[in-house]
Amino acid sequence: MTYKDLLVRYKRRHKNLVEPNQGFHSLVPELWLAYSMGRKRGYTDLGTYANKPGDHGTWPSHAFDLGRKDRFYNKGWNYLKARRLAKLYVKYHEPLAINYVILGTRIWSRARPYWHPLTTGDTSHMFHVHVSGIYDD
């Protein structure tokens, strides 16, 4: 499925893309559809741009974080709804320009295209899905 196919299907059902809380300008346009797909599935905006190192620190941001109001009563990978969203992003990673997805202590990336342990020691993704896009460097 192409980006255009996904966008047409999305717009037929939802009409417009969902604007990030920090505005469309805070996120690279290539990730707008992926972001909107998560928001329409009941996830809340936990941020796009942040003044810190990493993929959130570029302007516009190359990443976004989505959580849920229930804040994942079952943490990380054990939270079925979050796992479904993460797997959806992996399924459509090519047309959505996604480089990697983190949930809990697991990561999927284009470089290692399977779910494997996140070995950075970072446990901040226990309560949200992190999606990072491709850089055009």
N, C-alpha and C. Protein backbone atom coordinates (compact mmCIF):
# COMPACT_ATOMS: atom_id res chain seq x y z
N MET A 1 0.84 -1.18 0.00
CA MET A 1 0.00 0.00 0.00
C MET A 1 0.89 1.24 0.00
N THR A 2 0.53 2.22 -0.78
CA THR A 2 1.32 3.44 -0.88
C THR A 2 0.81 4.48 0.12
N TYR A 3 1.60 5.55 0.28
CA TYR A 3 1.19 6.66 1.13
C TYR A 3 -0.14 7.21 0.64
N LYS A 4 -0.25 7.39 -0.66
CA LYS A 4 -1.47 7.94 -1.23
C LYS A 4 -2.68 7.05 -0.91
N ASP A 5 -2.52 5.73 -1.03
CA ASP A 5 -3.60 4.80 -0.70
C ASP A 5 -4.02 4.94 0.76
N LEU A 6 -3.03 5.01 1.66
CA LEU A 6 -3.33 5.15 3.09
C LEU A 6 -4.04 6.48 3.38
N LEU A 7 -3.55 7.54 2.72
CA LEU A 7 -4.15 8.87 2.93
C LEU A 7 -5.59 8.91 2.43
N VAL A 8 -5.84 8.35 1.27
CA VAL A 8 -7.21 8.32 0.73
C VAL A 8 -8.13 7.54 1.66
N ARG A 9 -7.67 6.39 2.12
CA ARG A 9 -8.47 5.57 3.04
C ARG A 9 -8.74 6.32 4.34
N TYR A 10 -7.69 6.97 4.87
CA TYR A 10 -7.83 7.74 6.11
C TYR A 10 -8.84 8.88 5.92
N LYS A 11 -8.68 9.66 4.85
CA LYS A 11 -9.55 10.83 4.64
C LYS A 11 -10.99 10.43 4.34
N ARG A 12 -11.19 9.29 3.71
CA ARG A 12 -12.55 8.82 3.48
C ARG A 12 -13.26 8.59 4.81
N ARG A 13 -12.53 8.11 5.77
CA ARG A 13 -13.13 7.79 7.07
C ARG A 13 -13.14 8.96 8.05
N HIS A 14 -12.04 9.73 8.05
CA HIS A 14 -11.88 10.76 9.09
C HIS A 14 -11.84 12.19 8.56
N LYS A 15 -11.85 12.38 7.28
CA LYS A 15 -11.76 13.70 6.62
C LYS A 15 -10.36 14.31 6.77
N ASN A 16 -10.13 15.08 7.83
CA ASN A 16 -8.88 15.83 7.95
C ASN A 16 -7.87 15.16 8.87
N LEU A 17 -6.61 15.48 8.64
CA LEU A 17 -5.55 15.03 9.53
C LEU A 17 -5.69 15.74 10.87
N VAL A 18 -5.20 15.11 11.92
CA VAL A 18 -5.25 15.69 13.27
C VAL A 18 -4.00 16.53 13.48
N GLU A 19 -4.19 17.77 13.88
CA GLU A 19 -3.05 18.66 14.11
C GLU A 19 -2.41 18.37 15.46
N PRO A 20 -1.09 18.22 15.50
CA PRO A 20 -0.41 18.05 16.80
C PRO A 20 -0.67 19.24 17.72
N ASN A 21 -0.61 19.01 19.01
CA ASN A 21 -0.84 20.09 19.98
C ASN A 21 0.10 21.27 19.75
N GLN A 22 1.33 20.97 19.30
CA GLN A 22 2.30 22.04 19.05
C GLN A 22 2.17 22.60 17.63
N GLY A 23 1.19 22.14 16.88
CA GLY A 23 0.95 22.62 15.52
C GLY A 23 1.60 21.73 14.47
N PHE A 24 1.04 21.79 13.26
CA PHE A 24 1.59 20.99 12.17
C PHE A 24 3.06 21.32 11.94
N HIS A 25 3.43 22.59 12.13
CA HIS A 25 4.80 23.02 11.88
C HIS A 25 5.81 22.36 12.82
N SER A 26 5.35 21.73 13.91
CA SER A 26 6.26 21.12 14.88
C SER A 26 6.69 19.71 14.49
N LEU A 27 6.10 19.14 13.45
CA LEU A 27 6.37 17.77 13.03
C LEU A 27 6.59 17.73 11.52
N VAL A 28 7.57 16.95 11.07
CA VAL A 28 7.81 16.86 9.63
C VAL A 28 6.54 16.35 8.95
N PRO A 29 6.20 16.91 7.79
CA PRO A 29 4.96 16.52 7.10
C PRO A 29 4.86 15.03 6.79
N GLU A 30 5.99 14.37 6.59
CA GLU A 30 5.98 12.94 6.29
C GLU A 30 5.36 12.10 7.40
N LEU A 31 5.32 12.64 8.63
CA LEU A 31 4.76 11.90 9.77
C LEU A 31 3.34 12.32 10.15
N TRP A 32 2.78 13.29 9.46
CA TRP A 32 1.44 13.76 9.81
C TRP A 32 0.40 12.65 9.75
N LEU A 33 0.44 11.83 8.72
CA LEU A 33 -0.55 10.76 8.59
C LEU A 33 -0.37 9.72 9.69
N ALA A 34 0.85 9.30 9.96
CA ALA A 34 1.10 8.31 11.02
C ALA A 34 0.61 8.86 12.37
N TYR A 35 0.92 10.13 12.64
CA TYR A 35 0.47 10.77 13.87
C TYR A 35 -1.07 10.75 13.95
N SER A 36 -1.71 11.15 12.87
CA SER A 36 -3.18 11.21 12.83
C SER A 36 -3.81 9.84 13.01
N MET A 37 -3.19 8.81 12.44
CA MET A 37 -3.72 7.45 12.58
C MET A 37 -3.75 7.03 14.05
N GLY A 38 -2.72 7.40 14.78
CA GLY A 38 -2.68 7.09 16.21
C GLY A 38 -3.69 7.88 17.01
N ARG A 39 -3.82 9.16 16.69
CA ARG A 39 -4.77 10.01 17.41
C ARG A 39 -6.19 9.53 17.19
N LYS A 40 -6.53 9.12 15.98
CA LYS A 40 -7.88 8.64 15.68
C LYS A 40 -8.17 7.29 16.33
N ARG A 41 -7.14 6.63 16.83
CA ARG A 41 -7.32 5.36 17.55
C ARG A 41 -7.37 5.58 19.06
N GLY A 42 -7.54 6.82 19.47
CA GLY A 42 -7.75 7.12 20.89
C GLY A 42 -6.51 7.48 21.68
N TYR A 43 -5.40 7.72 21.00
CA TYR A 43 -4.16 8.07 21.69
C TYR A 43 -4.06 9.58 21.84
N THR A 44 -3.42 10.01 22.91
CA THR A 44 -3.25 11.43 23.19
C THR A 44 -1.85 11.88 22.78
N ASP A 45 -1.74 13.14 22.46
CA ASP A 45 -0.47 13.74 22.05
C ASP A 45 0.40 13.95 23.29
N LEU A 46 1.55 13.32 23.31
CA LEU A 46 2.51 13.51 24.39
C LEU A 46 3.71 14.33 23.94
N GLY A 47 3.66 14.80 22.70
CA GLY A 47 4.70 15.70 22.25
C GLY A 47 5.30 15.37 20.91
N THR A 48 5.74 16.43 20.26
CA THR A 48 6.48 16.31 19.01
C THR A 48 7.86 16.94 19.27
N TYR A 49 7.97 18.25 19.13
CA TYR A 49 9.25 18.92 19.34
C TYR A 49 9.55 19.09 20.83
N ALA A 50 10.81 18.88 21.19
CA ALA A 50 11.30 19.18 22.54
C ALA A 50 12.73 19.69 22.40
N ASN A 51 13.08 20.69 23.14
CA ASN A 51 14.41 21.28 23.06
C ASN A 51 15.39 20.39 23.82
N LYS A 52 15.76 19.28 23.17
CA LYS A 52 16.70 18.32 23.77
C LYS A 52 17.36 17.54 22.65
N PRO A 53 18.44 16.85 22.94
CA PRO A 53 19.08 16.04 21.90
C PRO A 53 18.17 14.92 21.42
N GLY A 54 18.40 14.46 20.20
CA GLY A 54 17.63 13.35 19.67
C GLY A 54 16.65 13.77 18.61
N ASP A 55 15.82 12.83 18.20
CA ASP A 55 14.90 13.09 17.09
C ASP A 55 13.75 14.03 17.44
N HIS A 56 13.48 14.25 18.72
CA HIS A 56 12.49 15.27 19.12
C HIS A 56 13.10 16.67 19.05
N GLY A 57 14.42 16.75 19.01
CA GLY A 57 15.12 18.04 19.10
C GLY A 57 15.36 18.74 17.79
N THR A 58 14.93 18.19 16.68
CA THR A 58 15.05 18.90 15.41
C THR A 58 13.79 19.74 15.21
N TRP A 59 13.90 20.77 14.41
CA TRP A 59 12.71 21.58 14.09
C TRP A 59 12.51 21.58 12.60
N PRO A 60 11.43 21.07 12.10
CA PRO A 60 10.39 20.38 12.84
C PRO A 60 10.87 19.01 13.32
N SER A 61 10.16 18.47 14.28
CA SER A 61 10.55 17.21 14.89
C SER A 61 10.43 16.04 13.92
N HIS A 62 11.30 15.07 14.11
CA HIS A 62 11.26 13.83 13.33
C HIS A 62 10.67 12.70 14.16
N ALA A 63 9.94 13.05 15.23
CA ALA A 63 9.38 12.02 16.09
C ALA A 63 8.15 12.55 16.81
N PHE A 64 7.32 11.61 17.25
CA PHE A 64 6.18 11.97 18.09
C PHE A 64 5.95 10.85 19.10
N ASP A 65 5.32 11.23 20.21
CA ASP A 65 4.97 10.29 21.26
C ASP A 65 3.46 10.31 21.45
N LEU A 66 2.87 9.12 21.55
CA LEU A 66 1.43 9.01 21.78
C LEU A 66 1.18 8.11 22.99
N GLY A 67 0.27 8.53 23.84
CA GLY A 67 -0.12 7.74 25.01
C GLY A 67 -1.62 7.60 25.05
N ARG A 68 -2.11 7.12 26.17
CA ARG A 68 -3.55 6.98 26.36
C ARG A 68 -3.90 7.58 27.71
N LYS A 69 -5.14 8.01 27.82
CA LYS A 69 -5.57 8.58 29.09
C LYS A 69 -5.43 7.59 30.24
N ASP A 70 -5.62 6.30 29.94
CA ASP A 70 -5.47 5.30 31.00
C ASP A 70 -4.00 5.03 31.33
N ARG A 71 -3.11 5.63 30.58
CA ARG A 71 -1.66 5.57 30.80
C ARG A 71 -1.12 4.15 30.91
N PHE A 72 -1.71 3.24 30.15
CA PHE A 72 -1.23 1.87 30.05
C PHE A 72 -1.23 1.17 31.42
N TYR A 73 -2.39 0.76 31.85
CA TYR A 73 -2.45 0.01 33.10
C TYR A 73 -1.57 -1.23 33.04
N ASN A 74 -1.50 -1.85 31.88
CA ASN A 74 -0.52 -2.91 31.63
C ASN A 74 0.63 -2.23 30.91
N LYS A 75 1.78 -2.19 31.50
CA LYS A 75 2.88 -1.40 30.99
C LYS A 75 3.50 -1.95 29.72
N GLY A 76 3.97 -1.01 28.90
CA GLY A 76 4.79 -1.32 27.75
C GLY A 76 4.23 -2.36 26.81
N TRP A 77 5.04 -3.34 26.49
CA TRP A 77 4.68 -4.37 25.51
C TRP A 77 3.48 -5.17 25.97
N ASN A 78 3.21 -5.25 27.25
CA ASN A 78 2.08 -6.01 27.77
C ASN A 78 0.74 -5.31 27.55
N TYR A 79 0.77 -4.06 27.11
CA TYR A 79 -0.46 -3.32 26.88
C TYR A 79 -0.91 -3.58 25.44
N LEU A 80 -1.93 -4.41 25.29
CA LEU A 80 -2.36 -4.91 23.99
C LEU A 80 -2.71 -3.80 23.00
N LYS A 81 -3.45 -2.77 23.46
CA LYS A 81 -3.83 -1.68 22.54
C LYS A 81 -2.60 -0.96 21.99
N ALA A 82 -1.64 -0.71 22.85
CA ALA A 82 -0.42 -0.03 22.39
C ALA A 82 0.38 -0.93 21.45
N ARG A 83 0.41 -2.21 21.74
CA ARG A 83 1.12 -3.15 20.88
C ARG A 83 0.47 -3.20 19.50
N ARG A 84 -0.85 -3.15 19.45
CA ARG A 84 -1.54 -3.14 18.15
C ARG A 84 -1.15 -1.91 17.33
N LEU A 85 -1.11 -0.75 17.98
CA LEU A 85 -0.73 0.47 17.27
C LEU A 85 0.72 0.38 16.79
N ALA A 86 1.61 -0.08 17.65
CA ALA A 86 3.02 -0.20 17.28
C ALA A 86 3.17 -1.14 16.08
N LYS A 87 2.44 -2.25 16.09
CA LYS A 87 2.52 -3.20 14.98
C LYS A 87 1.91 -2.62 13.70
N LEU A 88 0.90 -1.78 13.84
CA LEU A 88 0.32 -1.11 12.67
C LEU A 88 1.38 -0.20 12.03
N TYR A 89 2.09 0.55 12.86
CA TYR A 89 3.15 1.42 12.34
C TYR A 89 4.23 0.61 11.63
N VAL A 90 4.58 -0.53 12.19
CA VAL A 90 5.59 -1.38 11.55
C VAL A 90 5.07 -1.91 10.21
N LYS A 91 3.82 -2.32 10.19
CA LYS A 91 3.24 -2.85 8.96
C LYS A 91 3.33 -1.84 7.81
N TYR A 92 3.09 -0.57 8.11
CA TYR A 92 3.07 0.48 7.09
C TYR A 92 4.28 1.41 7.20
N HIS A 93 5.39 0.92 7.73
CA HIS A 93 6.55 1.78 7.95
C HIS A 93 7.07 2.42 6.66
N GLU A 94 7.03 1.70 5.55
CA GLU A 94 7.57 2.28 4.31
C GLU A 94 6.76 3.46 3.83
N PRO A 95 5.45 3.32 3.58
CA PRO A 95 4.71 4.49 3.09
C PRO A 95 4.61 5.62 4.13
N LEU A 96 4.70 5.29 5.42
CA LEU A 96 4.58 6.31 6.46
C LEU A 96 5.93 6.94 6.82
N ALA A 97 7.01 6.52 6.17
CA ALA A 97 8.35 7.07 6.40
C ALA A 97 8.80 6.92 7.85
N ILE A 98 8.50 5.76 8.43
CA ILE A 98 8.88 5.49 9.82
C ILE A 98 10.21 4.76 9.84
N ASN A 99 11.12 5.25 10.66
CA ASN A 99 12.43 4.63 10.81
C ASN A 99 12.45 3.61 11.96
N TYR A 100 11.87 3.98 13.09
CA TYR A 100 11.78 3.02 14.20
C TYR A 100 10.61 3.34 15.10
N VAL A 101 10.18 2.32 15.85
CA VAL A 101 9.07 2.42 16.80
C VAL A 101 9.54 1.80 18.11
N ILE A 102 9.26 2.49 19.22
CA ILE A 102 9.60 1.96 20.54
C ILE A 102 8.33 1.84 21.36
N LEU A 103 8.21 0.71 22.04
CA LEU A 103 7.12 0.50 23.01
C LEU A 103 7.71 -0.28 24.17
N GLY A 104 7.60 0.29 25.35
CA GLY A 104 8.16 -0.37 26.53
C GLY A 104 9.67 -0.52 26.37
N THR A 105 10.15 -1.72 26.52
CA THR A 105 11.58 -1.97 26.37
C THR A 105 11.88 -2.73 25.09
N ARG A 106 11.00 -2.56 24.09
CA ARG A 106 11.22 -3.19 22.78
C ARG A 106 11.26 -2.12 21.69
N ILE A 107 12.02 -2.42 20.67
CA ILE A 107 12.17 -1.51 19.55
C ILE A 107 12.14 -2.31 18.25
N TRP A 108 11.53 -1.71 17.24
CA TRP A 108 11.58 -2.22 15.86
C TRP A 108 12.21 -1.11 15.04
N SER A 109 13.13 -1.46 14.16
CA SER A 109 13.74 -0.44 13.31
C SER A 109 13.97 -0.99 11.92
N ARG A 110 14.15 -0.08 10.97
CA ARG A 110 14.46 -0.50 9.61
C ARG A 110 15.81 -1.22 9.58
N ALA A 111 16.72 -0.79 10.43
CA ALA A 111 18.04 -1.42 10.47
C ALA A 111 17.98 -2.85 11.02
N ARG A 112 17.09 -3.06 11.98
CA ARG A 112 16.88 -4.39 12.56
C ARG A 112 15.38 -4.64 12.54
N PRO A 113 14.82 -5.10 11.42
CA PRO A 113 13.37 -5.16 11.21
C PRO A 113 12.66 -6.32 11.92
N TYR A 114 12.80 -6.34 13.21
CA TYR A 114 12.09 -7.28 14.07
C TYR A 114 12.08 -6.65 15.46
N TRP A 115 11.15 -7.06 16.28
CA TRP A 115 11.07 -6.53 17.64
C TRP A 115 12.20 -7.13 18.47
N HIS A 116 13.00 -6.27 19.07
CA HIS A 116 14.12 -6.72 19.88
C HIS A 116 14.26 -5.81 21.10
N PRO A 117 15.03 -6.23 22.11
CA PRO A 117 15.16 -5.43 23.33
C PRO A 117 15.79 -4.07 23.07
N LEU A 118 15.25 -3.07 23.73
CA LEU A 118 15.84 -1.73 23.72
C LEU A 118 16.94 -1.75 24.78
N THR A 119 18.16 -1.63 24.35
CA THR A 119 19.29 -1.82 25.26
C THR A 119 19.90 -0.53 25.79
N THR A 120 19.21 0.59 25.61
CA THR A 120 19.77 1.87 26.06
C THR A 120 19.57 2.08 27.56
N GLY A 121 18.73 1.27 28.19
CA GLY A 121 18.42 1.47 29.60
C GLY A 121 17.27 2.44 29.81
N ASP A 122 16.77 3.03 28.74
CA ASP A 122 15.67 3.99 28.80
C ASP A 122 14.36 3.24 29.07
N THR A 123 13.69 3.57 30.17
CA THR A 123 12.40 2.95 30.49
C THR A 123 11.24 3.93 30.35
N SER A 124 11.48 5.08 29.73
CA SER A 124 10.44 6.10 29.61
C SER A 124 9.33 5.71 28.64
N HIS A 125 9.54 4.68 27.84
CA HIS A 125 8.54 4.29 26.85
C HIS A 125 7.57 3.24 27.39
N MET A 126 7.55 3.04 28.70
CA MET A 126 6.62 2.09 29.30
C MET A 126 5.18 2.59 29.20
N PHE A 127 5.02 3.90 29.06
CA PHE A 127 3.68 4.48 29.06
C PHE A 127 3.34 5.23 27.79
N HIS A 128 4.11 5.02 26.74
CA HIS A 128 3.76 5.64 25.46
C HIS A 128 4.47 4.94 24.30
N VAL A 129 3.94 5.18 23.11
CA VAL A 129 4.53 4.70 21.87
C VAL A 129 5.35 5.85 21.29
N HIS A 130 6.58 5.55 20.95
CA HIS A 130 7.47 6.54 20.32
C HIS A 130 7.65 6.15 18.86
N VAL A 131 7.46 7.11 17.97
CA VAL A 131 7.62 6.87 16.53
C VAL A 131 8.62 7.88 16.00
N SER A 132 9.62 7.37 15.31
CA SER A 132 10.65 8.22 14.73
C SER A 132 10.65 8.06 13.21
N GLY A 133 10.73 9.19 12.53
CA GLY A 133 10.74 9.18 11.07
C GLY A 133 12.13 9.12 10.49
N ILE A 134 12.17 9.08 9.19
CA ILE A 134 13.43 9.01 8.46
C ILE A 134 13.98 10.41 8.27
N TYR A 135 15.27 10.57 8.54
CA TYR A 135 15.94 11.84 8.30
C TYR A 135 16.39 11.90 6.85
N ASP A 136 16.34 13.09 6.27
CA ASP A 136 16.75 13.29 4.88
C ASP A 136 18.19 13.75 4.74
N ASP A 137 19.01 13.48 5.72
CA ASP A 137 20.39 13.98 5.73
C ASP A 137 21.09 13.78 4.46
